[in-house]
Amino acid sequence: MTEQLTTRIYMVRHGATKLSAEDRFAGAVNVELSDEGKFQAARLADRLADDSIVAVYCSPMTRTIQTAAILAAPHKIPVIHRDGLREIHHGHWEGMRRADVESQFPDEYTAWEEDPFTFAPQGGEAGVNVIARALPIIREMVLEHRGQNVLVVSHKATLRLLISSLLGFDARGYRDRLDQSPACLNVLDFKNPIRARLMLFNDVSHYTDQPKRSGNHLSKWWDSPAT
């Protein structure tokens, strides 16, 4: 019987930035890691230092490049940039607070709230477009690094969309039902490019004892009173 080789992909969100805690659309805004974000990434680097990671990929944004460099250092391997791993682009909402978007573009915002997977603000991307550019990169990694460990540093929405797609979840609810904390660790094992199993999700135990409780960051679903 032929042995099945499992490819393991560590999916990591970049560390905290000055914008991480703000209810603001900043997917395409280039910002550096804060001191807190560097600390978070360093703790994750320590955690993964003894794992046999053969490749590190990241989006071309400053915050992901910085996080990836910290994580790659113990393994003494270069960081590979992939444009398809960048964050979702919110078009003319970029840099704005959610409350301001809702008041200035009420119809557009309502349509996006109802279906962020297929609707996008003017000049921006829908979730389906993010999957179309990011998922082939994951497939490439699984094929190129069969039976090995690979690390990917990306962004909150991109990772949630990828995980939804890989596990066969309805990605229309990715904003409401999945979270990704700064410098969190997700682990997925692949038997082949289309068969994945989630082994770890949104884990931040390398820098905190308790996971953050879900807040209202860009999801009105969490703002609504409990019924």
C-alpha atoms as a PDB file:
ATOM      1  CA  MET A   1       0.000   0.000   0.000  1.00  0.00           C
ATOM      2  CA  THR A   2       1.384   3.404  -1.033  1.00  0.00           C
ATOM      3  CA  GLU A   3       1.969   5.794   1.857  1.00  0.00           C
ATOM      4  CA  GLN A   4      -0.129   8.950   1.770  1.00  0.00           C
ATOM      5  CA  LEU A   5       2.022  12.037   2.328  1.00  0.00           C
ATOM      6  CA  THR A   6       0.362  14.904   4.176  1.00  0.00           C
ATOM      7  CA  THR A   7       1.279  18.491   3.384  1.00  0.00           C
ATOM      8  CA  ARG A   8       0.858  20.828   6.343  1.00  0.00           C
ATOM      9  CA  ILE A   9       0.208  24.537   5.780  1.00  0.00           C
ATOM     10  CA  TYR A  10       0.490  26.976   8.668  1.00  0.00           C
ATOM     11  CA  MET A  11      -1.767  29.923   7.864  1.00  0.00           C
ATOM     12  CA  VAL A  12      -0.941  33.020   9.910  1.00  0.00           C
ATOM     13  CA  ARG A  13      -2.492  36.444  10.069  1.00  0.00           C
ATOM     14  CA  HIS A  14       0.018  39.289  10.349  1.00  0.00           C
ATOM     15  CA  GLY A  15       0.714  40.787  13.775  1.00  0.00           C
ATOM     16  CA  ALA A  16      -1.084  43.797  15.202  1.00  0.00           C
ATOM     17  CA  THR A  17      -0.764  47.241  13.649  1.00  0.00           C
ATOM     18  CA  LYS A  18      -1.987  50.641  14.810  1.00  0.00           C
ATOM     19  CA  LEU A  19      -5.103  50.051  12.708  1.00  0.00           C
ATOM     20  CA  SER A  20      -5.864  46.535  13.968  1.00  0.00           C
ATOM     21  CA  ALA A  21      -8.149  47.649  16.790  1.00  0.00           C
ATOM     22  CA  GLU A  22     -10.038  50.250  14.767  1.00  0.00           C
ATOM     23  CA  ASP A  23     -13.373  49.615  13.109  1.00  0.00           C
ATOM     24  CA  ARG A  24     -11.890  50.764   9.815  1.00  0.00           C
ATOM     25  CA  PHE A  25     -11.612  49.440   6.263  1.00  0.00           C
ATOM     26  CA  ALA A  26      -7.874  49.172   5.661  1.00  0.00           C
ATOM     27  CA  GLY A  27      -7.258  46.167   3.419  1.00  0.00           C
ATOM     28  CA  ALA A  28      -5.158  48.046   0.876  1.00  0.00           C
ATOM     29  CA  VAL A  29      -3.635  50.512   3.346  1.00  0.00           C
ATOM     30  CA  ASN A  30       0.068  49.812   3.827  1.00  0.00           C
ATOM     31  CA  VAL A  31       0.978  49.954   7.516  1.00  0.00           C
ATOM     32  CA  GLU A  32       3.828  48.591   9.628  1.00  0.00           C
ATOM     33  CA  LEU A  33       3.595  46.279  12.609  1.00  0.00           C
ATOM     34  CA  SER A  34       3.212  47.947  15.972  1.00  0.00           C
ATOM     35  CA  ASP A  35       5.511  46.986  18.848  1.00  0.00           C
ATOM     36  CA  GLU A  36       2.717  44.698  20.024  1.00  0.00           C
ATOM     37  CA  GLY A  37       2.551  43.081  16.597  1.00  0.00           C
ATOM     38  CA  LYS A  38       6.301  42.451  16.573  1.00  0.00           C
ATOM     39  CA  PHE A  39       6.026  40.865  20.018  1.00  0.00           C
ATOM     40  CA  GLN A  40       3.178  38.609  18.863  1.00  0.00           C
ATOM     41  CA  ALA A  41       5.121  37.487  15.789  1.00  0.00           C
ATOM     42  CA  ALA A  42       8.244  36.831  17.856  1.00  0.00           C
ATOM     43  CA  ARG A  43       6.306  34.601  20.249  1.00  0.00           C
ATOM     44  CA  LEU A  44       4.905  32.645  17.314  1.00  0.00           C
ATOM     45  CA  ALA A  45       8.399  32.348  15.822  1.00  0.00           C
ATOM     46  CA  ASP A  46       9.587  30.794  19.087  1.00  0.00           C
ATOM     47  CA  ARG A  47       6.660  28.401  19.022  1.00  0.00           C
ATOM     48  CA  LEU A  48       7.414  27.219  15.483  1.00  0.00           C
ATOM     49  CA  ALA A  49      11.211  27.309  15.683  1.00  0.00           C
ATOM     50  CA  ASP A  50      11.587  23.535  15.972  1.00  0.00           C
ATOM     51  CA  ASP A  51       9.095  22.706  13.220  1.00  0.00           C
ATOM     52  CA  SER A  52      10.597  21.708   9.899  1.00  0.00           C
ATOM     53  CA  ILE A  53       9.239  24.553   7.806  1.00  0.00           C
ATOM     54  CA  VAL A  54      10.670  24.494   4.291  1.00  0.00           C
ATOM     55  CA  ALA A  55       9.082  27.604   2.777  1.00  0.00           C
ATOM     56  CA  VAL A  56       7.499  30.862   3.912  1.00  0.00           C
ATOM     57  CA  TYR A  57       5.101  32.785   1.678  1.00  0.00           C
ATOM     58  CA  CYS A  58       3.414  36.130   2.310  1.00  0.00           C
ATOM     59  CA  SER A  59       1.440  38.898   0.660  1.00  0.00           C
ATOM     60  CA  PRO A  60       3.412  41.943  -0.540  1.00  0.00           C
ATOM     61  CA  MET A  61       2.071  44.267   2.180  1.00  0.00           C
ATOM     62  CA  THR A  62       4.506  45.687   4.734  1.00  0.00           C
ATOM     63  CA  ARG A  63       2.714  44.169   7.738  1.00  0.00           C
ATOM     64  CA  THR A  64       2.804  40.658   6.273  1.00  0.00           C
ATOM     65  CA  ILE A  65       6.391  40.972   5.036  1.00  0.00           C
ATOM     66  CA  GLN A  66       7.538  42.030   8.499  1.00  0.00           C
ATOM     67  CA  THR A  67       5.629  39.200  10.179  1.00  0.00           C
ATOM     68  CA  ALA A  68       6.930  36.631   7.702  1.00  0.00           C
ATOM     69  CA  ALA A  69      10.535  37.793   8.160  1.00  0.00           C
ATOM     70  CA  ILE A  70      10.283  37.263  11.924  1.00  0.00           C
ATOM     71  CA  LEU A  71       8.776  33.791  11.437  1.00  0.00           C
ATOM     72  CA  ALA A  72      11.298  32.750   8.773  1.00  0.00           C
ATOM     73  CA  ALA A  73      14.380  33.826  10.733  1.00  0.00           C
ATOM     74  CA  PRO A  74      14.743  30.686  12.914  1.00  0.00           C
ATOM     75  CA  HIS A  75      14.581  28.501   9.787  1.00  0.00           C
ATOM     76  CA  LYS A  76      17.076  30.621   7.819  1.00  0.00           C
ATOM     77  CA  ILE A  77      14.950  30.600   4.682  1.00  0.00           C
ATOM     78  CA  PRO A  78      13.892  33.480   2.404  1.00  0.00           C
ATOM     79  CA  VAL A  79      10.380  34.890   2.315  1.00  0.00           C
ATOM     80  CA  ILE A  80       8.506  34.465  -0.965  1.00  0.00           C
ATOM     81  CA  HIS A  81       6.018  37.205  -1.916  1.00  0.00           C
ATOM     82  CA  ARG A  82       2.750  36.298  -3.662  1.00  0.00           C
ATOM     83  CA  ASP A  83       0.433  39.101  -4.764  1.00  0.00           C
ATOM     84  CA  GLY A  84      -2.583  36.801  -4.657  1.00  0.00           C
ATOM     85  CA  LEU A  85      -2.284  36.551  -0.864  1.00  0.00           C
ATOM     86  CA  ARG A  86      -2.936  40.278  -0.305  1.00  0.00           C
ATOM     87  CA  GLU A  87      -5.951  41.520   1.625  1.00  0.00           C
ATOM     88  CA  ILE A  88      -9.353  42.198   0.100  1.00  0.00           C
ATOM     89  CA  HIS A  89      -9.605  45.678  -1.417  1.00  0.00           C
ATOM     90  CA  HIS A  90     -12.539  47.793  -0.245  1.00  0.00           C
ATOM     91  CA  GLY A  91     -12.357  50.297  -3.074  1.00  0.00           C
ATOM     92  CA  HIS A  92     -13.472  53.829  -2.193  1.00  0.00           C
ATOM     93  CA  TRP A  93     -14.154  52.735   1.410  1.00  0.00           C
ATOM     94  CA  GLU A  94     -10.456  52.224   2.118  1.00  0.00           C
ATOM     95  CA  GLY A  95      -9.296  54.079   5.213  1.00  0.00           C
ATOM     96  CA  MET A  96     -12.839  54.952   6.335  1.00  0.00           C
ATOM     97  CA  ARG A  97     -14.515  53.933   9.587  1.00  0.00           C
ATOM     98  CA  ARG A  98     -17.441  51.584   9.247  1.00  0.00           C
ATOM     99  CA  ALA A  99     -19.923  54.080  10.741  1.00  0.00           C
ATOM    100  CA  ASP A 100     -18.886  56.696   8.168  1.00  0.00           C
ATOM    101  CA  VAL A 101     -19.236  54.234   5.287  1.00  0.00           C
ATOM    102  CA  GLU A 102     -22.681  53.223   6.491  1.00  0.00           C
ATOM    103  CA  SER A 103     -23.869  56.836   6.653  1.00  0.00           C
ATOM    104  CA  GLN A 104     -22.283  58.029   3.384  1.00  0.00           C
ATOM    105  CA  PHE A 105     -22.968  54.946   1.233  1.00  0.00           C
ATOM    106  CA  PRO A 106     -26.066  53.340   2.824  1.00  0.00           C
ATOM    107  CA  ASP A 107     -27.316  51.384  -0.203  1.00  0.00           C
ATOM    108  CA  GLU A 108     -23.888  50.069  -1.117  1.00  0.00           C
ATOM    109  CA  TYR A 109     -23.111  49.162   2.475  1.00  0.00           C
ATOM    110  CA  THR A 110     -26.421  47.309   2.905  1.00  0.00           C
ATOM    111  CA  ALA A 111     -25.752  45.250  -0.228  1.00  0.00           C
ATOM    112  CA  TRP A 112     -22.268  44.389   1.028  1.00  0.00           C
ATOM    113  CA  GLU A 113     -23.557  43.424   4.471  1.00  0.00           C
ATOM    114  CA  GLU A 114     -26.065  41.042   2.864  1.00  0.00           C
ATOM    115  CA  ASP A 115     -23.554  39.332   0.578  1.00  0.00           C
ATOM    116  CA  PRO A 116     -19.860  40.284   0.830  1.00  0.00           C
ATOM    117  CA  PHE A 117     -18.996  37.179  -1.151  1.00  0.00           C
ATOM    118  CA  THR A 118     -20.388  38.391  -4.481  1.00  0.00           C
ATOM    119  CA  PHE A 119     -20.863  42.139  -3.932  1.00  0.00           C
ATOM    120  CA  ALA A 120     -18.055  44.696  -3.739  1.00  0.00           C
ATOM    121  CA  PRO A 121     -17.992  48.449  -3.118  1.00  0.00           C
ATOM    122  CA  GLN A 122     -17.040  50.670  -6.044  1.00  0.00           C
ATOM    123  CA  GLY A 123     -13.446  49.975  -7.038  1.00  0.00           C
ATOM    124  CA  GLY A 124     -13.129  47.056  -4.617  1.00  0.00           C
ATOM    125  CA  GLU A 125     -13.214  43.281  -4.587  1.00  0.00           C
ATOM    126  CA  ALA A 126     -15.861  40.754  -3.670  1.00  0.00           C
ATOM    127  CA  GLY A 127     -14.925  37.696  -1.639  1.00  0.00           C
ATOM    128  CA  VAL A 128     -15.225  35.460  -4.679  1.00  0.00           C
ATOM    129  CA  ASN A 129     -12.483  37.497  -6.399  1.00  0.00           C
ATOM    130  CA  VAL A 130     -10.172  36.999  -3.423  1.00  0.00           C
ATOM    131  CA  ILE A 131     -10.671  33.236  -3.544  1.00  0.00           C
ATOM    132  CA  ALA A 132     -10.058  33.255  -7.301  1.00  0.00           C
ATOM    133  CA  ARG A 133      -6.581  34.787  -6.840  1.00  0.00           C
ATOM    134  CA  ALA A 134      -5.568  33.201  -3.525  1.00  0.00           C
ATOM    135  CA  LEU A 135      -6.753  29.600  -3.813  1.00  0.00           C
ATOM    136  CA  PRO A 136      -4.525  28.722  -6.814  1.00  0.00           C
ATOM    137  CA  ILE A 137      -1.498  29.777  -4.738  1.00  0.00           C
ATOM    138  CA  ILE A 138      -2.440  27.303  -2.004  1.00  0.00           C
ATOM    139  CA  ARG A 139      -2.852  24.610  -4.652  1.00  0.00           C
ATOM    140  CA  GLU A 140       0.609  25.458  -6.001  1.00  0.00           C
ATOM    141  CA  MET A 141       2.111  25.116  -2.515  1.00  0.00           C
ATOM    142  CA  VAL A 142       0.526  21.731  -1.883  1.00  0.00           C
ATOM    143  CA  LEU A 143       1.807  20.390  -5.197  1.00  0.00           C
ATOM    144  CA  GLU A 144       5.295  21.864  -4.847  1.00  0.00           C
ATOM    145  CA  HIS A 145       5.840  20.928  -1.196  1.00  0.00           C
ATOM    146  CA  ARG A 146       4.195  17.532  -0.990  1.00  0.00           C
ATOM    147  CA  GLY A 147       4.657  15.976   2.426  1.00  0.00           C
ATOM    148  CA  GLN A 148       6.355  19.100   3.843  1.00  0.00           C
ATOM    149  CA  ASN A 149       5.497  22.024   6.128  1.00  0.00           C
ATOM    150  CA  VAL A 150       4.820  25.439   4.597  1.00  0.00           C
ATOM    151  CA  LEU A 151       4.005  28.738   6.290  1.00  0.00           C
ATOM    152  CA  VAL A 152       1.730  31.410   4.779  1.00  0.00           C
ATOM    153  CA  VAL A 153       1.307  34.924   6.176  1.00  0.00           C
ATOM    154  CA  SER A 154      -1.770  36.727   4.918  1.00  0.00           C
ATOM    155  CA  HIS A 155      -4.681  38.841   6.128  1.00  0.00           C
ATOM    156  CA  LYS A 156      -7.914  38.559   8.086  1.00  0.00           C
ATOM    157  CA  ALA A 157     -10.469  38.443   5.267  1.00  0.00           C
ATOM    158  CA  THR A 158      -8.235  36.515   2.870  1.00  0.00           C
ATOM    159  CA  LEU A 159      -7.568  33.774   5.407  1.00  0.00           C
ATOM    160  CA  ARG A 160     -11.224  33.477   6.383  1.00  0.00           C
ATOM    161  CA  LEU A 161     -12.229  33.176   2.753  1.00  0.00           C
ATOM    162  CA  LEU A 162      -9.534  30.596   2.034  1.00  0.00           C
ATOM    163  CA  ILE A 163     -10.480  28.468   5.030  1.00  0.00           C
ATOM    164  CA  SER A 164     -14.175  28.679   4.109  1.00  0.00           C
ATOM    165  CA  SER A 165     -13.456  27.551   0.574  1.00  0.00           C
ATOM    166  CA  LEU A 166     -11.020  24.774   1.488  1.00  0.00           C
ATOM    167  CA  LEU A 167     -13.409  23.280   4.055  1.00  0.00           C
ATOM    168  CA  GLY A 168     -16.542  23.662   1.950  1.00  0.00           C
ATOM    169  CA  PHE A 169     -18.269  26.270   4.155  1.00  0.00           C
ATOM    170  CA  ASP A 170     -20.672  28.891   2.813  1.00  0.00           C
ATOM    171  CA  ALA A 171     -18.306  31.821   2.399  1.00  0.00           C
ATOM    172  CA  ARG A 172     -21.167  34.349   2.435  1.00  0.00           C
ATOM    173  CA  GLY A 173     -20.990  34.268   6.226  1.00  0.00           C
ATOM    174  CA  TYR A 174     -17.207  34.513   6.564  1.00  0.00           C
ATOM    175  CA  ARG A 175     -17.280  37.946   8.226  1.00  0.00           C
ATOM    176  CA  ASP A 176     -19.843  36.982  10.845  1.00  0.00           C
ATOM    177  CA  ARG A 177     -18.851  33.427  11.739  1.00  0.00           C
ATOM    178  CA  LEU A 178     -15.049  33.306  11.492  1.00  0.00           C
ATOM    179  CA  ASP A 179     -12.471  35.465  13.220  1.00  0.00           C
ATOM    180  CA  GLN A 180      -8.723  35.860  12.822  1.00  0.00           C
ATOM    181  CA  SER A 181      -6.801  37.532  15.631  1.00  0.00           C
ATOM    182  CA  PRO A 182      -3.461  39.271  15.010  1.00  0.00           C
ATOM    183  CA  ALA A 183      -0.605  36.755  14.647  1.00  0.00           C
ATOM    184  CA  CYS A 184      -3.004  33.839  15.050  1.00  0.00           C
ATOM    185  CA  LEU A 185      -2.083  30.349  13.887  1.00  0.00           C
ATOM    186  CA  ASN A 186      -4.243  28.083  11.737  1.00  0.00           C
ATOM    187  CA  VAL A 187      -3.064  24.632  10.660  1.00  0.00           C
ATOM    188  CA  LEU A 188      -4.478  22.729   7.697  1.00  0.00           C
ATOM    189  CA  ASP A 189      -3.358  19.310   6.503  1.00  0.00           C
ATOM    190  CA  PHE A 190      -3.724  18.366   2.839  1.00  0.00           C
ATOM    191  CA  LYS A 191      -3.889  14.915   1.294  1.00  0.00           C
ATOM    192  CA  ASN A 192      -4.040  16.601  -2.088  1.00  0.00           C
ATOM    193  CA  PRO A 193      -4.760  20.126  -3.341  1.00  0.00           C
ATOM    194  CA  ILE A 194      -8.531  19.810  -2.881  1.00  0.00           C
ATOM    195  CA  ARG A 195      -8.783  17.679   0.268  1.00  0.00           C
ATOM    196  CA  ALA A 196      -7.970  19.624   3.433  1.00  0.00           C
ATOM    197  CA  ARG A 197      -8.567  19.046   7.132  1.00  0.00           C
ATOM    198  CA  LEU A 198      -8.537  21.863   9.714  1.00  0.00           C
ATOM    199  CA  MET A 199      -6.269  20.917  12.619  1.00  0.00           C
ATOM    200  CA  LEU A 200      -6.025  24.256  14.449  1.00  0.00           C
ATOM    201  CA  PHE A 201      -7.946  27.524  14.126  1.00  0.00           C
ATOM    202  CA  ASN A 202      -7.287  31.116  15.254  1.00  0.00           C
ATOM    203  CA  ASP A 203      -4.901  30.025  18.009  1.00  0.00           C
ATOM    204  CA  VAL A 204      -3.078  32.764  19.921  1.00  0.00           C
ATOM    205  CA  SER A 205      -1.840  30.754  22.904  1.00  0.00           C
ATOM    206  CA  HIS A 206       1.753  31.756  22.073  1.00  0.00           C
ATOM    207  CA  TYR A 207       1.092  35.283  23.361  1.00  0.00           C
ATOM    208  CA  THR A 208      -2.048  35.194  25.502  1.00  0.00           C
ATOM    209  CA  ASP A 209      -3.731  32.805  27.918  1.00  0.00           C
ATOM    210  CA  GLN A 210      -7.259  33.635  26.813  1.00  0.00           C
ATOM    211  CA  PRO A 211      -8.548  34.237  23.284  1.00  0.00           C
ATOM    212  CA  LYS A 212     -10.130  37.615  22.666  1.00  0.00           C
ATOM    213  CA  ARG A 213     -13.907  37.655  22.887  1.00  0.00           C
ATOM    214  CA  SER A 214     -15.633  38.419  19.605  1.00  0.00           C
ATOM    215  CA  GLY A 215     -16.248  42.115  19.112  1.00  0.00           C
ATOM    216  CA  ASN A 216     -17.933  44.204  16.475  1.00  0.00           C
ATOM    217  CA  HIS A 217     -14.999  44.679  14.133  1.00  0.00           C
ATOM    218  CA  LEU A 218     -16.621  45.295  10.734  1.00  0.00           C
ATOM    219  CA  SER A 219     -19.532  42.956  11.439  1.00  0.00           C
ATOM    220  CA  LYS A 220     -22.906  44.426  12.376  1.00  0.00           C
ATOM    221  CA  TRP A 221     -24.084  40.894  13.097  1.00  0.00           C
ATOM    222  CA  TRP A 222     -22.130  41.132  16.365  1.00  0.00           C
ATOM    223  CA  ASP A 223     -23.550  44.577  17.127  1.00  0.00           C
ATOM    224  CA  SER A 224     -27.134  43.357  17.201  1.00  0.00           C
ATOM    225  CA  PRO A 225     -28.655  42.755  20.650  1.00  0.00           C
ATOM    226  CA  ALA A 226     -28.972  39.102  21.638  1.00  0.00           C
ATOM    227  CA  THR A 227     -32.470  37.671  21.225  1.00  0.00           C
END
